[in-house]
């Protein structure tokens, strides 16, 4: 009940809730504006969580700063821009899982493809090891279980 109401907390960001994951997307005309809005929204979020006796697992909190693509590789980093909840700094990461897909700060598929490659190589090796010890009619079911479920 309470966690589903969290999306009505503020219109400064877009809330995406799935199972026990909450993602908030904030945008700004510049980095300073986005971080200012983000910290304001996080203060409201923290107050909401405390009032409703809900817990934020800070060890799982992270954020990605998506930046517009620029031609210059010598762009100055955004110094002193941080997000925090009740004095705890939220760690910035370059990639994370969102609704089963790994996204990165450049919004390309490289991280997700690497993840799938590892997962499917492991599944192929497993199938190769056990293929002679299982009935042929189960091969298709194993394919759907080990491969298709990740595609």
C-alpha atoms as a PDB file:
ATOM      1  CA  UNK A   1       0.000   0.000   0.000  1.00  0.00           C
ATOM      2  CA  UNK A   2       2.472   2.659   1.120  1.00  0.00           C
ATOM      3  CA  UNK A   3       5.244   1.899  -1.364  1.00  0.00           C
ATOM      4  CA  UNK A   4       2.811   2.100  -4.302  1.00  0.00           C
ATOM      5  CA  UNK A   5       1.866   5.642  -3.244  1.00  0.00           C
ATOM      6  CA  UNK A   6       5.475   6.752  -3.521  1.00  0.00           C
ATOM      7  CA  UNK A   7       5.026   7.690  -7.183  1.00  0.00           C
ATOM      8  CA  UNK A   8       2.639  10.460  -6.077  1.00  0.00           C
ATOM      9  CA  UNK A   9       5.294  11.957  -3.799  1.00  0.00           C
ATOM     10  CA  UNK A  10       6.542  14.544  -6.274  1.00  0.00           C
ATOM     11  CA  UNK A  11       6.299  15.558  -9.902  1.00  0.00           C
ATOM     12  CA  UNK A  12      10.028  16.448 -10.003  1.00  0.00           C
ATOM     13  CA  UNK A  13      10.849  12.966 -11.266  1.00  0.00           C
ATOM     14  CA  UNK A  14       9.380   9.940 -12.951  1.00  0.00           C
ATOM     15  CA  UNK A  15       8.996   6.935 -10.654  1.00  0.00           C
ATOM     16  CA  UNK A  16       9.234   3.399 -11.998  1.00  0.00           C
ATOM     17  CA  UNK A  17       8.333   0.672  -9.492  1.00  0.00           C
ATOM     18  CA  UNK A  18       8.778  -3.030 -10.178  1.00  0.00           C
ATOM     19  CA  UNK A  19       8.593  -5.645  -7.409  1.00  0.00           C
ATOM     20  CA  UNK A  20      10.884  -4.297  -4.674  1.00  0.00           C
ATOM     21  CA  UNK A  21      12.875  -1.948  -6.944  1.00  0.00           C
ATOM     22  CA  UNK A  22      12.213   1.755  -7.219  1.00  0.00           C
ATOM     23  CA  UNK A  23      13.837   3.871  -9.927  1.00  0.00           C
ATOM     24  CA  UNK A  24      13.504   7.624 -10.170  1.00  0.00           C
ATOM     25  CA  UNK A  25      14.357   9.533 -13.333  1.00  0.00           C
ATOM     26  CA  UNK A  26      15.123  13.240 -12.987  1.00  0.00           C
ATOM     27  CA  UNK A  27      16.062  15.659 -15.710  1.00  0.00           C
ATOM     28  CA  UNK A  28      17.416  19.168 -15.763  1.00  0.00           C
ATOM     29  CA  UNK A  29      18.621  21.774 -18.209  1.00  0.00           C
ATOM     30  CA  UNK A  30      22.089  21.395 -16.687  1.00  0.00           C
ATOM     31  CA  UNK A  31      23.797  19.038 -14.258  1.00  0.00           C
ATOM     32  CA  UNK A  32      23.470  21.458 -11.336  1.00  0.00           C
ATOM     33  CA  UNK A  33      19.707  21.702 -11.831  1.00  0.00           C
ATOM     34  CA  UNK A  34      19.292  17.921 -12.052  1.00  0.00           C
ATOM     35  CA  UNK A  35      21.312  17.330  -8.872  1.00  0.00           C
ATOM     36  CA  UNK A  36      19.456  20.089  -7.015  1.00  0.00           C
ATOM     37  CA  UNK A  37      16.094  18.583  -8.002  1.00  0.00           C
ATOM     38  CA  UNK A  38      17.390  15.116  -7.150  1.00  0.00           C
ATOM     39  CA  UNK A  39      18.492  16.065  -3.646  1.00  0.00           C
ATOM     40  CA  UNK A  40      15.227  17.898  -2.981  1.00  0.00           C
ATOM     41  CA  UNK A  41      13.238  14.885  -4.132  1.00  0.00           C
ATOM     42  CA  UNK A  42      15.414  12.544  -2.037  1.00  0.00           C
ATOM     43  CA  UNK A  43      14.752  14.664   1.073  1.00  0.00           C
ATOM     44  CA  UNK A  44      11.009  14.327   0.435  1.00  0.00           C
ATOM     45  CA  UNK A  45      11.445  10.608  -0.205  1.00  0.00           C
ATOM     46  CA  UNK A  46      13.378  10.084   3.035  1.00  0.00           C
ATOM     47  CA  UNK A  47      10.729  11.968   5.041  1.00  0.00           C
ATOM     48  CA  UNK A  48       8.005   9.853   3.388  1.00  0.00           C
ATOM     49  CA  UNK A  49       9.838   6.624   4.191  1.00  0.00           C
ATOM     50  CA  UNK A  50      10.363   7.583   7.855  1.00  0.00           C
ATOM     51  CA  UNK A  51       6.753   8.676   8.331  1.00  0.00           C
ATOM     52  CA  UNK A  52       5.488   5.392   6.871  1.00  0.00           C
ATOM     53  CA  UNK A  53       8.029   3.250   8.751  1.00  0.00           C
ATOM     54  CA  UNK A  54       9.634   2.047   5.531  1.00  0.00           C
ATOM     55  CA  UNK A  55      13.344   1.295   5.079  1.00  0.00           C
ATOM     56  CA  UNK A  56      15.798   2.291   2.353  1.00  0.00           C
ATOM     57  CA  UNK A  57      18.625  -0.194   1.868  1.00  0.00           C
ATOM     58  CA  UNK A  58      21.462   2.286   1.328  1.00  0.00           C
ATOM     59  CA  UNK A  59      23.878  -0.448   0.258  1.00  0.00           C
ATOM     60  CA  UNK A  60      21.716  -1.022  -2.842  1.00  0.00           C
ATOM     61  CA  UNK A  61      21.222   2.654  -3.697  1.00  0.00           C
ATOM     62  CA  UNK A  62      23.093   4.029  -6.663  1.00  0.00           C
ATOM     63  CA  UNK A  63      22.584   6.506  -9.441  1.00  0.00           C
ATOM     64  CA  UNK A  64      23.671   6.983 -13.020  1.00  0.00           C
ATOM     65  CA  UNK A  65      24.219  10.402 -14.513  1.00  0.00           C
ATOM     66  CA  UNK A  66      23.179  10.232 -18.167  1.00  0.00           C
ATOM     67  CA  UNK A  67      24.861  13.009 -20.118  1.00  0.00           C
ATOM     68  CA  UNK A  68      24.247  14.248 -23.633  1.00  0.00           C
ATOM     69  CA  UNK A  69      26.729  12.980 -26.190  1.00  0.00           C
ATOM     70  CA  UNK A  70      29.402  15.569 -26.917  1.00  0.00           C
ATOM     71  CA  UNK A  71      32.152  15.563 -29.500  1.00  0.00           C
ATOM     72  CA  UNK A  72      34.755  16.787 -27.046  1.00  0.00           C
ATOM     73  CA  UNK A  73      36.453  14.082 -25.019  1.00  0.00           C
ATOM     74  CA  UNK A  74      38.098  16.738 -22.819  1.00  0.00           C
ATOM     75  CA  UNK A  75      34.871  17.708 -21.102  1.00  0.00           C
ATOM     76  CA  UNK A  76      35.240  18.865 -17.498  1.00  0.00           C
ATOM     77  CA  UNK A  77      33.835  16.403 -14.934  1.00  0.00           C
ATOM     78  CA  UNK A  78      30.916  17.523 -12.768  1.00  0.00           C
ATOM     79  CA  UNK A  79      32.781  18.258  -9.547  1.00  0.00           C
ATOM     80  CA  UNK A  80      31.045  18.542  -6.178  1.00  0.00           C
ATOM     81  CA  UNK A  81      27.755  17.250  -7.556  1.00  0.00           C
ATOM     82  CA  UNK A  82      26.451  14.492  -5.312  1.00  0.00           C
ATOM     83  CA  UNK A  83      23.169  12.933  -4.316  1.00  0.00           C
ATOM     84  CA  UNK A  84      22.495  12.031  -0.706  1.00  0.00           C
ATOM     85  CA  UNK A  85      19.807  10.695   1.584  1.00  0.00           C
ATOM     86  CA  UNK A  86      19.875  11.902   5.183  1.00  0.00           C
ATOM     87  CA  UNK A  87      23.593  12.690   4.972  1.00  0.00           C
ATOM     88  CA  UNK A  88      24.557   9.385   3.303  1.00  0.00           C
ATOM     89  CA  UNK A  89      26.149   9.895  -0.086  1.00  0.00           C
ATOM     90  CA  UNK A  90      24.655   7.721  -2.803  1.00  0.00           C
ATOM     91  CA  UNK A  91      27.296   5.999  -4.901  1.00  0.00           C
ATOM     92  CA  UNK A  92      27.507   6.868  -8.569  1.00  0.00           C
ATOM     93  CA  UNK A  93      27.802   3.908 -10.904  1.00  0.00           C
ATOM     94  CA  UNK A  94      28.331   3.580 -14.620  1.00  0.00           C
ATOM     95  CA  UNK A  95      25.957   0.634 -15.127  1.00  0.00           C
ATOM     96  CA  UNK A  96      23.067  -1.068 -13.355  1.00  0.00           C
ATOM     97  CA  UNK A  97      20.231  -3.487 -13.998  1.00  0.00           C
ATOM     98  CA  UNK A  98      16.877  -1.924 -14.884  1.00  0.00           C
ATOM     99  CA  UNK A  99      13.889  -4.208 -15.487  1.00  0.00           C
ATOM    100  CA  UNK A 100      16.192  -7.095 -16.389  1.00  0.00           C
ATOM    101  CA  UNK A 101      18.366  -5.105 -18.787  1.00  0.00           C
ATOM    102  CA  UNK A 102      21.791  -3.748 -17.931  1.00  0.00           C
ATOM    103  CA  UNK A 103      22.002  -0.084 -18.858  1.00  0.00           C
ATOM    104  CA  UNK A 104      25.047   2.126 -18.703  1.00  0.00           C
ATOM    105  CA  UNK A 105      25.702   5.853 -18.579  1.00  0.00           C
ATOM    106  CA  UNK A 106      26.284   5.962 -22.348  1.00  0.00           C
ATOM    107  CA  UNK A 107      22.977   4.181 -23.093  1.00  0.00           C
ATOM    108  CA  UNK A 108      24.546   1.577 -25.328  1.00  0.00           C
ATOM    109  CA  UNK A 109      24.142  -2.197 -25.255  1.00  0.00           C
ATOM    110  CA  UNK A 110      27.767  -3.186 -24.553  1.00  0.00           C
ATOM    111  CA  UNK A 111      27.318  -4.049 -20.850  1.00  0.00           C
ATOM    112  CA  UNK A 112      24.143  -6.045 -21.473  1.00  0.00           C
ATOM    113  CA  UNK A 113      25.717  -7.929 -24.384  1.00  0.00           C
ATOM    114  CA  UNK A 114      28.736  -8.843 -22.208  1.00  0.00           C
ATOM    115  CA  UNK A 115      26.362 -10.093 -19.488  1.00  0.00           C
ATOM    116  CA  UNK A 116      24.339 -12.176 -21.968  1.00  0.00           C
ATOM    117  CA  UNK A 117      27.507 -13.547 -23.554  1.00  0.00           C
ATOM    118  CA  UNK A 118      28.763 -14.823 -20.176  1.00  0.00           C
ATOM    119  CA  UNK A 119      25.361 -16.236 -19.242  1.00  0.00           C
ATOM    120  CA  UNK A 120      24.786 -17.990 -22.573  1.00  0.00           C
ATOM    121  CA  UNK A 121      28.346 -19.349 -22.782  1.00  0.00           C
ATOM    122  CA  UNK A 122      27.838 -20.924 -19.354  1.00  0.00           C
ATOM    123  CA  UNK A 123      24.503 -22.411 -20.498  1.00  0.00           C
ATOM    124  CA  UNK A 124      26.095 -23.777 -23.692  1.00  0.00           C
ATOM    125  CA  UNK A 125      28.918 -25.394 -21.720  1.00  0.00           C
ATOM    126  CA  UNK A 126      26.408 -26.930 -19.310  1.00  0.00           C
ATOM    127  CA  UNK A 127      24.330 -28.334 -22.169  1.00  0.00           C
ATOM    128  CA  UNK A 128      27.426 -29.685 -23.861  1.00  0.00           C
ATOM    129  CA  UNK A 129      28.459 -31.542 -20.685  1.00  0.00           C
ATOM    130  CA  UNK A 130      25.073 -33.156 -20.060  1.00  0.00           C
ATOM    131  CA  UNK A 131      23.683 -33.664 -23.584  1.00  0.00           C
ATOM    132  CA  UNK A 132      24.583 -37.359 -23.765  1.00  0.00           C
ATOM    133  CA  UNK A 133      23.113 -38.158 -20.361  1.00  0.00           C
ATOM    134  CA  UNK A 134      19.616 -36.736 -20.928  1.00  0.00           C
ATOM    135  CA  UNK A 135      16.873 -37.952 -23.269  1.00  0.00           C
ATOM    136  CA  UNK A 136      16.629 -36.225 -26.666  1.00  0.00           C
ATOM    137  CA  UNK A 137      13.031 -35.126 -26.040  1.00  0.00           C
ATOM    138  CA  UNK A 138      14.299 -32.925 -23.180  1.00  0.00           C
ATOM    139  CA  UNK A 139      16.836 -31.031 -25.293  1.00  0.00           C
ATOM    140  CA  UNK A 140      14.271 -28.497 -26.515  1.00  0.00           C
ATOM    141  CA  UNK A 141      12.964 -27.871 -22.977  1.00  0.00           C
ATOM    142  CA  UNK A 142      16.502 -27.283 -21.753  1.00  0.00           C
ATOM    143  CA  UNK A 143      17.126 -24.857 -24.601  1.00  0.00           C
ATOM    144  CA  UNK A 144      14.052 -22.822 -23.624  1.00  0.00           C
ATOM    145  CA  UNK A 145      15.026 -22.952 -19.966  1.00  0.00           C
ATOM    146  CA  UNK A 146      18.686 -22.038 -20.363  1.00  0.00           C
ATOM    147  CA  UNK A 147      18.715 -19.815 -23.470  1.00  0.00           C
ATOM    148  CA  UNK A 148      15.324 -18.463 -24.426  1.00  0.00           C
ATOM    149  CA  UNK A 149      14.620 -17.166 -20.917  1.00  0.00           C
ATOM    150  CA  UNK A 150      17.538 -14.736 -21.237  1.00  0.00           C
ATOM    151  CA  UNK A 151      16.728 -13.394 -24.663  1.00  0.00           C
END
